[in-house]
């Protein structure tokens, strides 16, 4: 056997050193796993006194071979992780469902005790009221006892909600049925009862308790009062106001929804009832204003702690709905003023929203839309159709210019313009361009103003777009052409009469179309070559439309000098465009090339 050479000894030495390092690392892993096993054992036995965990000591580098390290690092030495128990299926919803059913059935029984027993004369009023008070107290006391027991939270919430609602129904009964206390005293007592119940909900941190106090009363309270009355509306407003302080600092969105419903539904029903009876009630108008103010104030107070701000912003809109419907029972001036005030309030909140906590971008967008809706209702209530169209179009222009960089503002402006254009088309339909008819002076003046405003809005809304496409330009051109034609025809009829004025108006409309096309060609010649395709295309489309109108309508409809004049004027303009456009285009291109 030949002796080993130096290179062979070097390789054996390197392999031996590698195995020694591997043995060292595996020994360290074994020591750390043993320490981890002791930690897990101590955590699984909390009753046993905690003992200090020995820190793993550096393992000395052994000489190769290290059979002990290999055994320690074997898979059998690694501690197995304890099995995690599978979570059991939650069946708590069954108890909650049964509790809600119990609340509903018990409260119906209380209502039957108060109302039907009184109608049948079964028990004396004192006994009925006392029975309701005793039942309410017993339910609340049982809830306090049950809440302190393990697993009794669901039942305690249901018992407390039933007892508080029963007490509230008792207060309504002694105020509206038996007349034992005056309305102001009843309102104060009702607010105290509701406030106490909702305070208990806050103490238990139970949103369900607050919801179960409010929701049943929305249905059962009108049964006790024999319908929706102004006093019942006052009770529900007091209840909504009393529920606000207990929600401070809590993310209880469903309690807020129940609060808004408690004040909104009775008001809407009362407004409809008075409208069908053709009656007026100023107190009900005041209640609608209070409900709207309460909805807005509650939203501003609760928004910072609410995660679902979109829903709260939408629910706020539902809370101001009665104030927007007071036109059913009030004069137009009063209803328009209330809608205008709401529009101003929402607009002010939107403008200073960055300084109000919780009023983020989505909330501001929703309330900006609400402001526009309120303003639209105010205009429609205050003015007739002849005046509403110019006012709506003017508002659309103002909104588009004032907030031209906001996408939501453009949509709001477009919505206002659509409403205004709908009124505009109601008294200036397309048929008025084909058949001459006499128009009242007020309607004609409104048509002229609205036509100009519609043209201005089209220009502004396209200007606010960063990169308007060909479709937007085409729509704008069609709307502008229709408004121009309506303006010229209306002005012609107003000045020259039904026959000659109608012809003169159409002649002027065709000429205006050609002038607009010439203006687009001049604009195209003054901009860089790469940007000319859209204005040139628009100009050609206008020329084609003007030629179609000239031969399909003007040639057969116009008479006498008007037919001659329109053909001569349009022809001269086309000749001037054909002769001068190429020269102007070449001149502008040379100037641009010289600058480059």
Protein backbone atom coordinates (compact mmCIF):
# COMPACT_ATOMS: atom_id res chain seq x y z
CA UNK A 1 0.00 0.00 0.00
CA UNK A 2 1.50 3.25 -1.07
CA UNK A 3 1.91 5.95 1.59
CA UNK A 4 -0.49 8.90 1.54
CA UNK A 5 0.73 11.99 -0.09
CA UNK A 6 0.42 15.52 1.29
CA UNK A 7 -2.63 16.49 -0.85
CA UNK A 8 -4.47 13.39 0.36
CA UNK A 9 -3.73 14.21 3.98
CA UNK A 10 -4.98 17.79 3.44
CA UNK A 11 -8.30 16.54 2.01
CA UNK A 12 -8.78 14.12 4.93
CA UNK A 13 -8.04 16.93 7.37
CA UNK A 14 -10.62 19.23 5.72
CA UNK A 15 -13.28 16.51 5.73
CA UNK A 16 -12.55 15.80 9.39
CA UNK A 17 -12.89 19.51 10.25
CA UNK A 18 -16.19 19.72 8.34
CA UNK A 19 -17.65 16.76 10.22
CA UNK A 20 -16.48 18.30 13.49
CA UNK A 21 -18.28 21.59 12.67
CA UNK A 22 -21.46 19.74 11.68
CA UNK A 23 -21.35 17.82 14.96
CA UNK A 24 -20.99 21.11 16.88
CA UNK A 25 -24.01 22.73 15.16
CA UNK A 26 -26.20 19.68 15.67
CA UNK A 27 -25.29 19.62 19.34
CA UNK A 28 -26.33 23.27 19.70
CA UNK A 29 -29.69 22.55 18.02
CA UNK A 30 -30.26 19.63 20.41
CA UNK A 31 -29.58 21.86 23.43
CA UNK A 32 -31.96 24.60 22.19
CA UNK A 33 -34.74 22.11 21.51
CA UNK A 34 -34.39 20.72 25.02
CA UNK A 35 -34.73 24.24 26.47
CA UNK A 36 -37.79 24.89 24.28
CA UNK A 37 -39.34 21.64 25.48
CA UNK A 38 -39.00 22.76 29.11
CA UNK A 39 -40.61 26.15 28.29
CA UNK A 40 -43.63 24.48 26.66
CA UNK A 41 -44.00 22.13 29.60
CA UNK A 42 -44.03 25.05 32.07
CA UNK A 43 -46.66 26.95 30.01
CA UNK A 44 -48.96 23.91 29.93
CA UNK A 45 -48.87 23.65 33.75
CA UNK A 46 -49.63 27.18 35.07
CA UNK A 47 -50.39 25.89 38.56
CA UNK A 48 -46.86 24.70 39.05
CA UNK A 49 -44.41 27.30 40.31
CA UNK A 50 -42.28 28.70 37.56
CA UNK A 51 -38.68 27.60 37.72
CA UNK A 52 -35.75 29.35 36.08
CA UNK A 53 -34.98 28.05 32.66
CA UNK A 54 -31.34 27.16 32.27
CA UNK A 55 -29.70 28.97 29.45
CA UNK A 56 -28.11 26.76 26.81
CA UNK A 57 -24.36 26.60 27.32
CA UNK A 58 -21.94 26.75 24.46
CA UNK A 59 -21.17 23.25 23.42
CA UNK A 60 -17.44 22.58 23.22
CA UNK A 61 -16.06 21.62 19.92
CA UNK A 62 -15.41 17.92 20.20
CA UNK A 63 -12.94 15.82 18.36
CA UNK A 64 -14.25 13.91 15.42
CA UNK A 65 -16.05 11.51 15.43
CA UNK A 66 -18.78 12.72 17.82
CA UNK A 67 -21.21 9.84 18.19
CA UNK A 68 -23.01 11.45 21.17
CA UNK A 69 -23.80 14.56 19.15
CA UNK A 70 -25.12 12.43 16.33
CA UNK A 71 -27.46 10.61 18.71
CA UNK A 72 -28.63 13.86 20.31
CA UNK A 73 -29.33 15.37 16.95
CA UNK A 74 -31.32 12.40 15.74
CA UNK A 75 -35.01 12.88 14.91
CA UNK A 76 -36.05 10.86 17.96
CA UNK A 77 -34.65 13.56 20.27
CA UNK A 78 -36.75 16.40 18.81
CA UNK A 79 -39.77 17.17 21.07
CA UNK A 80 -43.11 16.98 19.35
CA UNK A 81 -45.41 20.08 19.43
CA UNK A 82 -48.60 19.57 21.41
CA UNK A 83 -51.70 18.96 19.31
CA UNK A 84 -53.94 22.01 18.96
CA UNK A 85 -57.55 21.21 19.81
CA UNK A 86 -60.06 21.93 17.07
CA UNK A 87 -62.43 24.78 17.91
CA UNK A 88 -65.97 23.70 18.60
CA UNK A 89 -68.73 25.04 16.41
CA UNK A 90 -70.31 28.20 17.84
CA UNK A 91 -73.98 27.68 18.53
CA UNK A 92 -74.51 30.89 20.49
CA UNK A 93 -76.81 32.25 17.77
CA UNK A 94 -79.53 29.85 18.90
CA UNK A 95 -79.65 31.45 22.33
CA UNK A 96 -79.63 34.93 20.83
CA UNK A 97 -82.49 34.04 18.47
CA UNK A 98 -84.58 32.65 21.30
CA UNK A 99 -83.83 35.72 23.43
CA UNK A 100 -84.99 38.08 20.68
CA UNK A 101 -88.18 36.08 20.25
CA UNK A 102 -88.76 36.26 23.99
CA UNK A 103 -88.31 40.03 23.97
CA UNK A 104 -90.86 40.45 21.19
CA UNK A 105 -93.47 38.16 22.74
CA UNK A 106 -93.15 39.67 26.21
CA UNK A 107 -93.46 43.24 24.96
CA UNK A 108 -96.53 42.32 22.93
CA UNK A 109 -97.98 40.97 26.16
CA UNK A 110 -97.24 44.25 27.92
CA UNK A 111 -98.96 46.17 25.13
CA UNK A 112 -101.97 43.88 25.37
CA UNK A 113 -102.05 44.49 29.12
CA UNK A 114 -102.00 48.25 28.67
CA UNK A 115 -104.26 48.64 25.63
CA UNK A 116 -106.66 45.73 25.27
CA UNK A 117 -107.23 45.33 28.99
CA UNK A 118 -108.09 49.02 29.16
CA UNK A 119 -110.54 48.69 26.27
CA UNK A 120 -112.21 45.66 27.80
CA UNK A 121 -112.21 47.07 31.33
CA UNK A 122 -110.66 43.91 32.76
CA UNK A 123 -108.48 45.56 35.40
CA UNK A 124 -108.36 48.97 36.96
CA UNK A 125 -105.85 51.40 35.41
CA UNK A 126 -103.83 51.48 38.61
CA UNK A 127 -103.48 47.69 38.58
CA UNK A 128 -102.48 47.61 34.91
CA UNK A 129 -99.84 50.30 35.34
CA UNK A 130 -98.56 48.81 38.59
CA UNK A 131 -98.37 45.38 36.96
CA UNK A 132 -96.31 46.83 34.15
CA UNK A 133 -93.98 48.57 36.59
CA UNK A 134 -93.53 45.40 38.68
CA UNK A 135 -92.87 43.33 35.58
CA UNK A 136 -90.30 45.83 34.33
CA UNK A 137 -88.53 45.96 37.68
CA UNK A 138 -88.50 42.18 38.01
CA UNK A 139 -87.06 41.72 34.54
CA UNK A 140 -84.30 44.25 35.11
CA UNK A 141 -83.47 42.75 38.53
CA UNK A 142 -83.36 39.25 37.05
CA UNK A 143 -81.05 40.49 34.33
CA UNK A 144 -78.64 41.94 36.89
CA UNK A 145 -78.58 38.61 38.74
CA UNK A 146 -78.18 36.57 35.60
CA UNK A 147 -75.39 38.75 34.21
CA UNK A 148 -73.14 37.82 37.14
CA UNK A 149 -73.53 34.10 36.39
CA UNK A 150 -71.32 32.20 33.93
CA UNK A 151 -72.81 32.18 30.45
CA UNK A 152 -75.65 34.49 31.42
CA UNK A 153 -74.77 37.48 29.26
CA UNK A 154 -77.19 36.70 26.41
CA UNK A 155 -80.13 36.07 28.71
CA UNK A 156 -79.31 39.10 30.86
CA UNK A 157 -79.29 41.39 27.81
CA UNK A 158 -82.66 40.04 26.65
CA UNK A 159 -84.26 40.40 30.12
CA UNK A 160 -82.93 43.93 30.60
CA UNK A 161 -84.12 45.03 27.15
CA UNK A 162 -87.60 43.65 27.82
CA UNK A 163 -87.84 45.30 31.22
CA UNK A 164 -86.68 48.71 29.97
CA UNK A 165 -89.01 48.64 26.97
CA UNK A 166 -91.91 47.61 29.23
CA UNK A 167 -91.21 50.55 31.53
CA UNK A 168 -91.10 52.89 28.54
CA UNK A 169 -94.47 51.59 27.31
CA UNK A 170 -95.88 52.20 30.79
CA UNK A 171 -94.69 55.82 30.64
CA UNK A 172 -96.35 56.28 27.26
CA UNK A 173 -99.57 54.79 28.62
CA UNK A 174 -99.85 57.05 31.68
CA UNK A 175 -99.16 60.07 29.48
CA UNK A 176 -101.31 59.41 26.40
CA UNK A 177 -104.04 56.99 27.54
CA UNK A 178 -104.71 57.83 31.17
CA UNK A 179 -103.51 61.46 31.16
CA UNK A 180 -102.03 61.10 34.64
CA UNK A 181 -99.04 63.29 33.83
CA UNK A 182 -98.57 66.13 31.39
CA UNK A 183 -96.68 65.69 28.14
CA UNK A 184 -93.50 67.49 29.30
CA UNK A 185 -93.34 65.35 32.46
CA UNK A 186 -93.90 62.21 30.41
CA UNK A 187 -91.12 63.14 28.03
CA UNK A 188 -88.71 63.70 30.91
CA UNK A 189 -89.61 60.39 32.56
CA UNK A 190 -89.34 58.56 29.23
CA UNK A 191 -85.91 60.04 28.61
CA UNK A 192 -84.81 58.96 32.11
CA UNK A 193 -86.03 55.40 31.57
CA UNK A 194 -84.38 55.11 28.18
CA UNK A 195 -81.21 56.76 29.43
CA UNK A 196 -81.01 54.34 32.35
CA UNK A 197 -81.44 51.34 30.10
CA UNK A 198 -78.89 52.56 27.61
CA UNK A 199 -76.47 53.38 30.44
CA UNK A 200 -76.75 49.75 31.49
CA UNK A 201 -75.94 48.79 27.90
CA UNK A 202 -72.81 50.91 28.03
CA UNK A 203 -71.80 49.44 31.38
CA UNK A 204 -72.16 45.92 30.00
CA UNK A 205 -70.63 46.97 26.67
CA UNK A 206 -73.65 45.39 24.97
CA UNK A 207 -74.78 47.08 21.76
CA UNK A 208 -77.50 44.43 21.46
CA UNK A 209 -79.18 45.76 24.60
CA UNK A 210 -79.42 49.24 23.16
CA UNK A 211 -80.79 47.96 19.86
CA UNK A 212 -83.35 45.76 21.64
CA UNK A 213 -84.52 48.77 23.65
CA UNK A 214 -85.07 50.97 20.57
CA UNK A 215 -86.31 48.66 17.82
CA UNK A 216 -89.39 47.16 19.56
CA UNK A 217 -90.63 50.61 20.53
CA UNK A 218 -90.69 51.70 16.87
CA UNK A 219 -93.39 49.08 16.26
CA UNK A 220 -95.19 48.88 19.61
CA UNK A 221 -95.32 52.51 20.72
CA UNK A 222 -97.84 53.52 17.98
CA UNK A 223 -100.10 50.71 19.17
CA UNK A 224 -100.14 52.17 22.67
CA UNK A 225 -100.85 55.72 21.46
CA UNK A 226 -103.44 54.50 18.92
CA UNK A 227 -101.51 55.83 15.94
CA UNK A 228 -98.76 58.30 15.14
CA UNK A 229 -99.34 61.45 17.15
CA UNK A 230 -97.23 64.50 17.77
CA UNK A 231 -96.72 63.36 21.36
CA UNK A 232 -95.42 59.99 20.16
CA UNK A 233 -93.02 61.81 17.84
CA UNK A 234 -91.79 63.77 20.85
CA UNK A 235 -91.28 60.54 22.81
CA UNK A 236 -89.23 59.01 20.00
CA UNK A 237 -87.10 62.14 19.60
CA UNK A 238 -86.45 62.14 23.35
CA UNK A 239 -85.45 58.49 23.13
CA UNK A 240 -83.10 59.19 20.22
CA UNK A 241 -81.47 62.08 22.05
CA UNK A 242 -81.08 60.06 25.26
CA UNK A 243 -79.34 57.24 23.39
CA UNK A 244 -76.61 59.48 22.02
CA UNK A 245 -74.47 60.10 25.15
CA UNK A 246 -74.20 56.39 25.98
CA UNK A 247 -72.64 55.73 22.59
CA UNK A 248 -69.76 58.15 22.98
CA UNK A 249 -66.47 56.38 22.39
CA UNK A 250 -68.21 53.20 21.17
CA UNK A 251 -68.27 51.76 17.69
CA UNK A 252 -71.98 50.92 17.80
CA UNK A 253 -73.15 51.59 14.28
CA UNK A 254 -76.32 49.49 14.62
CA UNK A 255 -77.44 51.46 17.65
CA UNK A 256 -77.02 54.60 15.57
CA UNK A 257 -79.14 53.07 12.82
CA UNK A 258 -81.83 52.19 15.34
CA UNK A 259 -81.72 55.74 16.72
CA UNK A 260 -82.23 57.25 13.28
CA UNK A 261 -85.05 54.82 12.54
CA UNK A 262 -86.78 55.66 15.84
CA UNK A 263 -86.99 59.33 14.89
CA UNK A 264 -87.44 59.00 11.10
CA UNK A 265 -90.21 56.43 10.64
CA UNK A 266 -92.84 58.13 12.84
CA UNK A 267 -92.15 61.50 11.20
CA UNK A 268 -92.51 60.13 7.67
CA UNK A 269 -95.78 58.39 8.54
CA UNK A 270 -97.10 61.54 10.21
CA UNK A 271 -96.18 63.65 7.17
CA UNK A 272 -98.01 61.28 4.83
CA UNK A 273 -101.07 61.16 7.09
CA UNK A 274 -101.31 64.96 7.26
CA UNK A 275 -100.76 65.24 3.50
CA UNK A 276 -103.68 62.93 2.69
CA UNK A 277 -105.87 64.76 5.22
CA UNK A 278 -104.82 68.10 3.65
CA UNK A 279 -103.77 69.55 6.99
CA UNK A 280 -100.86 71.68 8.24
CA UNK A 281 -98.92 71.38 11.49
CA UNK A 282 -96.04 73.72 12.35
CA UNK A 283 -95.07 71.61 15.37
CA UNK A 284 -94.45 68.68 13.08
CA UNK A 285 -92.17 70.86 10.95
CA UNK A 286 -90.19 71.71 14.06
CA UNK A 287 -89.91 68.01 14.90
CA UNK A 288 -88.54 67.31 11.41
CA UNK A 289 -85.94 70.05 11.85
CA UNK A 290 -84.94 68.64 15.28
CA UNK A 291 -84.60 65.13 13.83
CA UNK A 292 -82.37 66.41 11.01
CA UNK A 293 -80.19 68.38 13.41
CA UNK A 294 -79.92 65.37 15.73
CA UNK A 295 -78.88 63.10 12.85
CA UNK A 296 -76.15 65.46 11.65
CA UNK A 297 -74.85 66.23 15.14
CA UNK A 298 -74.79 62.55 16.11
CA UNK A 299 -72.85 61.66 12.97
CA UNK A 300 -70.23 64.36 13.58
CA UNK A 301 -69.81 63.23 17.19
CA UNK A 302 -69.64 59.50 16.47
CA UNK A 303 -67.65 59.44 13.23
CA UNK A 304 -64.16 59.52 14.86
CA UNK A 305 -64.79 56.20 16.67
CA UNK A 306 -66.70 54.47 13.87
CA UNK A 307 -65.10 52.03 11.48
CA UNK A 308 -68.08 51.82 9.10
CA UNK A 309 -68.16 55.51 8.19
CA UNK A 310 -69.81 54.95 4.83
CA UNK A 311 -72.90 53.43 6.45
CA UNK A 312 -73.05 56.22 9.03
CA UNK A 313 -72.87 58.86 6.31
CA UNK A 314 -75.70 57.16 4.39
CA UNK A 315 -77.82 56.75 7.52
CA UNK A 316 -77.38 60.47 8.17
CA UNK A 317 -79.00 61.10 4.82
CA UNK A 318 -81.95 58.98 5.94
CA UNK A 319 -82.13 61.02 9.14
CA UNK A 320 -82.67 64.30 7.24
CA UNK A 321 -85.26 62.76 4.90
CA UNK A 322 -88.29 64.04 6.88
CA UNK A 323 -86.98 67.60 6.67
CA UNK A 324 -86.78 67.24 2.88
CA UNK A 325 -90.39 65.97 2.74
CA UNK A 326 -92.04 68.81 4.69
CA UNK A 327 -93.36 70.15 1.38
CA UNK A 328 -96.16 67.62 1.89
CA UNK A 329 -97.57 69.63 4.80
CA UNK A 330 -95.94 73.08 4.55
CA UNK A 331 -95.86 76.09 2.28
CA UNK A 332 -93.40 76.06 -0.61
CA UNK A 333 -91.33 78.86 0.89
CA UNK A 334 -90.88 77.10 4.24
CA UNK A 335 -90.06 73.76 2.60
CA UNK A 336 -87.57 75.37 0.22
CA UNK A 337 -85.87 77.21 3.08
CA UNK A 338 -85.46 74.01 5.10
CA UNK A 339 -83.96 72.17 2.11
CA UNK A 340 -81.66 75.12 1.38
CA UNK A 341 -80.46 75.21 4.99
CA UNK A 342 -79.67 71.50 4.89
CA UNK A 343 -77.78 71.98 1.61
CA UNK A 344 -75.75 74.81 3.15
CA UNK A 345 -74.97 72.76 6.28
CA UNK A 346 -73.75 69.75 4.32
CA UNK A 347 -71.75 71.99 2.00
CA UNK A 348 -70.09 73.72 4.96
CA UNK A 349 -69.15 70.36 6.49
CA UNK A 350 -67.69 69.22 3.16
CA UNK A 351 -65.64 72.40 2.78
CA UNK A 352 -64.12 72.18 6.28
CA UNK A 353 -64.11 68.38 6.41
CA UNK A 354 -60.32 68.16 6.59
CA UNK A 355 -60.48 69.92 9.97
CA UNK A 356 -63.22 67.66 11.37
CA UNK A 357 -62.15 64.30 12.85
CA UNK A 358 -63.67 61.31 11.09
CA UNK A 359 -64.97 63.24 8.08
CA UNK A 360 -62.76 61.47 5.57
CA UNK A 361 -62.88 61.50 1.79
CA UNK A 362 -65.72 59.00 1.35
CA UNK A 363 -67.92 60.74 3.93
CA UNK A 364 -67.26 64.10 2.27
CA UNK A 365 -68.22 62.70 -1.11
CA UNK A 366 -71.48 61.25 0.20
CA UNK A 367 -72.38 64.46 1.99
CA UNK A 368 -71.45 66.53 -1.06
CA UNK A 369 -73.97 64.49 -3.01
CA UNK A 370 -76.51 65.04 -0.21
CA UNK A 371 -75.86 68.77 -0.39
CA UNK A 372 -76.55 68.72 -4.13
CA UNK A 373 -79.74 66.71 -3.60
CA UNK A 374 -80.95 69.14 -0.93
CA UNK A 375 -80.16 72.11 -3.18
CA UNK A 376 -82.02 70.48 -6.06
CA UNK A 377 -85.08 69.89 -3.88
CA UNK A 378 -84.95 73.49 -2.67
CA UNK A 379 -84.90 74.80 -6.24
CA UNK A 380 -87.65 72.48 -7.44
CA UNK A 381 -89.88 73.37 -4.50
CA UNK A 382 -89.28 77.11 -4.72
CA UNK A 383 -89.53 77.62 -8.48
CA UNK A 384 -91.66 76.47 -11.36
CA UNK A 385 -90.24 74.63 -14.36
CA UNK A 386 -89.57 77.79 -16.39
CA UNK A 387 -87.33 79.18 -13.66
CA UNK A 388 -85.97 75.88 -12.33
CA UNK A 389 -84.10 75.01 -15.54
CA UNK A 390 -81.89 78.15 -15.66
CA UNK A 391 -81.27 78.01 -11.92
CA UNK A 392 -80.22 74.34 -12.03
CA UNK A 393 -77.94 74.92 -15.02
CA UNK A 394 -76.36 77.95 -13.33
CA UNK A 395 -75.72 75.85 -10.19
CA UNK A 396 -74.14 73.15 -12.34
CA UNK A 397 -71.75 75.66 -13.91
CA UNK A 398 -70.77 77.07 -10.51
CA UNK A 399 -70.06 73.61 -9.08
CA UNK A 400 -68.07 72.55 -12.14
CA UNK A 401 -65.90 75.68 -12.06
CA UNK A 402 -65.45 75.84 -8.28
CA UNK A 403 -64.30 72.22 -7.91
CA UNK A 404 -63.02 71.41 -11.38
CA UNK A 405 -60.27 69.10 -10.12
CA UNK A 406 -62.59 66.86 -8.05
CA UNK A 407 -64.21 63.91 -9.80
CA UNK A 408 -67.15 63.89 -7.38
CA UNK A 409 -67.82 67.58 -8.08
CA UNK A 410 -67.99 66.88 -11.81
CA UNK A 411 -70.55 64.15 -11.23
CA UNK A 412 -72.59 66.45 -9.01
CA UNK A 413 -72.44 69.20 -11.63
CA UNK A 414 -73.49 66.70 -14.28
CA UNK A 415 -76.43 65.58 -12.15
CA UNK A 416 -77.61 69.16 -11.61
CA UNK A 417 -77.28 69.81 -15.35
CA UNK A 418 -79.29 66.70 -16.19
CA UNK A 419 -82.15 67.84 -13.94
CA UNK A 420 -82.01 71.33 -15.44
CA UNK A 421 -81.88 69.93 -18.99
CA UNK A 422 -84.93 67.77 -18.25
CA UNK A 423 -86.95 70.88 -17.34
CA UNK A 424 -85.47 72.66 -20.34
CA UNK A 425 -86.65 69.91 -22.70
CA UNK A 426 -90.11 69.94 -21.11
CA UNK A 427 -90.86 73.38 -22.58
CA UNK A 428 -88.32 73.36 -25.45
CA UNK A 429 -88.75 69.87 -26.98
CA UNK A 430 -87.24 68.86 -30.32
CA UNK A 431 -90.68 69.16 -31.92
CA UNK A 432 -90.50 72.95 -31.41
CA UNK A 433 -87.66 73.03 -33.96
CA UNK A 434 -89.76 71.38 -36.66
CA UNK A 435 -93.09 73.13 -36.19
CA UNK A 436 -93.57 76.80 -35.50
CA UNK A 437 -95.75 77.52 -32.48
CA UNK A 438 -96.47 80.53 -30.35
CA UNK A 439 -94.65 80.62 -27.01
CA UNK A 440 -95.40 82.68 -23.94
CA UNK A 441 -92.95 85.48 -23.31
CA UNK A 442 -91.85 84.12 -19.92
CA UNK A 443 -91.25 80.66 -21.38
CA UNK A 444 -89.36 82.12 -24.35
CA UNK A 445 -87.09 84.18 -22.10
CA UNK A 446 -86.42 81.14 -19.91
CA UNK A 447 -85.60 79.12 -23.03
CA UNK A 448 -83.11 81.72 -24.24
CA UNK A 449 -81.34 81.91 -20.86
CA UNK A 450 -81.30 78.15 -20.39
CA UNK A 451 -79.92 77.64 -23.91
CA UNK A 452 -76.98 79.93 -23.22
CA UNK A 453 -76.36 78.31 -19.84
CA UNK A 454 -76.49 74.84 -21.37
CA UNK A 455 -73.88 75.85 -23.97
CA UNK A 456 -71.69 77.31 -21.23
CA UNK A 457 -72.00 74.16 -19.12
CA UNK A 458 -70.98 71.93 -22.01
CA UNK A 459 -67.88 74.04 -22.57
CA UNK A 460 -67.01 74.11 -18.87
CA UNK A 461 -67.52 70.40 -18.21
CA UNK A 462 -65.30 69.44 -21.16
CA UNK A 463 -62.71 71.98 -20.01
CA UNK A 464 -62.57 70.41 -16.55
CA UNK A 465 -61.70 67.00 -18.01
CA UNK A 466 -57.98 66.33 -18.17
CA UNK A 467 -58.08 64.29 -21.37
CA UNK A 468 -61.53 64.38 -22.98
CA UNK A 469 -61.98 61.69 -25.60
CA UNK A 470 -63.77 61.88 -28.92
CA UNK A 471 -67.03 60.60 -27.44
CA UNK A 472 -67.15 63.45 -24.93
CA UNK A 473 -66.45 65.98 -27.68
CA UNK A 474 -69.16 64.47 -29.85
CA UNK A 475 -71.74 64.61 -27.05
CA UNK A 476 -70.76 68.20 -26.25
CA UNK A 477 -71.07 69.19 -29.90
CA UNK A 478 -74.54 67.64 -30.23
CA UNK A 479 -75.80 69.34 -27.06
CA UNK A 480 -74.31 72.69 -28.07
CA UNK A 481 -75.78 72.45 -31.59
CA UNK A 482 -79.23 71.68 -30.17
CA UNK A 483 -79.02 74.56 -27.68
CA UNK A 484 -77.84 77.00 -30.38
CA UNK A 485 -80.65 75.97 -32.71
CA UNK A 486 -83.23 76.28 -29.92
CA UNK A 487 -81.88 79.71 -29.03
CA UNK A 488 -81.98 81.07 -32.59
CA UNK A 489 -85.42 79.64 -33.38
CA UNK A 490 -86.91 80.86 -30.09
CA UNK A 491 -85.38 84.29 -30.51
CA UNK A 492 -86.65 84.45 -34.10
CA UNK A 493 -90.21 83.51 -33.12
CA UNK A 494 -90.14 85.93 -30.20
CA UNK A 495 -88.96 88.82 -32.40
CA UNK A 496 -90.39 88.11 -35.85
CA UNK A 497 -93.45 85.99 -35.20
CA UNK A 498 -94.39 82.40 -35.82
CA UNK A 499 -93.69 82.26 -39.57
CA UNK A 500 -90.96 84.68 -40.56
CA UNK A 501 -89.25 84.51 -37.18
CA UNK A 502 -89.20 80.69 -37.35
CA UNK A 503 -87.52 80.80 -40.79
CA UNK A 504 -85.02 83.44 -39.66
CA UNK A 505 -84.13 81.39 -36.62
CA UNK A 506 -83.34 78.27 -38.64
CA UNK A 507 -81.31 80.32 -41.11
CA UNK A 508 -79.26 81.73 -38.22
CA UNK A 509 -78.85 78.24 -36.73
CA UNK A 510 -77.35 76.82 -39.93
CA UNK A 511 -74.98 79.75 -40.22
CA UNK A 512 -73.93 79.30 -36.58
CA UNK A 513 -73.11 75.66 -37.22
CA UNK A 514 -70.82 76.61 -40.10
CA UNK A 515 -69.21 79.37 -38.01
CA UNK A 516 -68.52 76.84 -35.23
CA UNK A 517 -66.86 74.55 -37.77
CA UNK A 518 -64.70 77.42 -39.04
CA UNK A 519 -63.69 78.25 -35.47
CA UNK A 520 -62.59 74.65 -34.89
CA UNK A 521 -60.46 74.71 -38.05
CA UNK A 522 -58.80 77.96 -36.97
CA UNK A 523 -58.13 76.45 -33.54
CA UNK A 524 -56.65 73.32 -35.14
CA UNK A 525 -54.27 75.43 -37.20
CA UNK A 526 -52.89 77.14 -34.08
CA UNK A 527 -51.99 74.00 -32.12
CA UNK A 528 -49.22 71.43 -32.73
CA UNK A 529 -49.67 68.89 -35.50
CA UNK A 530 -50.04 65.97 -33.08
CA UNK A 531 -53.10 67.53 -31.42
CA UNK A 532 -55.04 68.49 -34.54
CA UNK A 533 -56.94 65.31 -35.25
CA UNK A 534 -59.76 65.88 -32.76
CA UNK A 535 -60.66 69.51 -33.61
CA UNK A 536 -60.34 68.81 -37.34
CA UNK A 537 -62.65 65.81 -36.95
CA UNK A 538 -65.14 67.91 -35.00
CA UNK A 539 -65.05 70.66 -37.62
CA UNK A 540 -65.67 68.20 -40.44
CA UNK A 541 -68.56 66.65 -38.50
CA UNK A 542 -70.13 70.09 -38.03
CA UNK A 543 -69.72 70.89 -41.71
CA UNK A 544 -71.41 67.59 -42.61
CA UNK A 545 -74.25 68.27 -40.16
CA UNK A 546 -74.72 71.81 -41.49
CA UNK A 547 -74.79 70.56 -45.08
CA UNK A 548 -77.31 67.86 -44.15
CA UNK A 549 -79.54 70.43 -42.44
CA UNK A 550 -79.16 72.80 -45.36
CA UNK A 551 -80.34 70.32 -48.00
CA UNK A 552 -82.68 68.10 -45.98
CA UNK A 553 -84.48 70.73 -43.90
CA UNK A 554 -83.73 74.30 -44.92
CA UNK A 555 -84.21 73.69 -48.65
CA UNK A 556 -87.69 72.30 -48.19
CA UNK A 557 -88.84 74.30 -45.17
CA UNK A 558 -87.50 77.80 -45.56
CA UNK A 559 -89.16 80.15 -47.99
CA UNK A 560 -88.28 83.18 -50.01
CA UNK A 561 -85.34 85.31 -49.04
CA UNK A 562 -84.42 83.07 -46.08
CA UNK A 563 -83.65 80.12 -48.34
CA UNK A 564 -81.57 82.29 -50.64
CA UNK A 565 -79.73 83.99 -47.81
CA UNK A 566 -78.80 80.82 -45.99
CA UNK A 567 -77.38 79.18 -49.12
CA UNK A 568 -75.39 82.26 -50.08
CA UNK A 569 -73.99 82.88 -46.60
CA UNK A 570 -73.10 79.25 -45.98
CA UNK A 571 -71.54 78.97 -49.41
CA UNK A 572 -69.37 82.04 -48.89
CA UNK A 573 -68.20 80.78 -45.51
CA UNK A 574 -67.30 77.43 -47.02
CA UNK A 575 -65.38 79.17 -49.81
CA UNK A 576 -63.49 81.25 -47.29
CA UNK A 577 -62.69 78.17 -45.23
CA UNK A 578 -61.46 76.28 -48.26
CA UNK A 579 -59.30 79.14 -49.50
CA UNK A 580 -57.84 80.29 -46.22
CA UNK A 581 -57.45 77.12 -44.15
CA UNK A 582 -54.56 75.64 -46.15
CA UNK A 583 -52.72 78.97 -46.19
CA UNK A 584 -53.22 79.51 -42.47
CA UNK A 585 -52.15 75.96 -41.72
CA UNK A 586 -48.95 76.30 -43.75
CA UNK A 587 -48.13 79.62 -42.09
CA UNK A 588 -48.60 78.20 -38.59
CA UNK A 589 -46.50 75.14 -39.41
CA UNK A 590 -43.63 77.33 -40.66
CA UNK A 591 -43.77 79.43 -37.48
CA UNK A 592 -43.74 76.32 -35.28
CA UNK A 593 -40.86 74.80 -37.25
CA UNK A 594 -38.92 78.08 -36.91
CA UNK A 595 -39.39 78.04 -33.13
CA UNK A 596 -38.16 74.49 -32.99
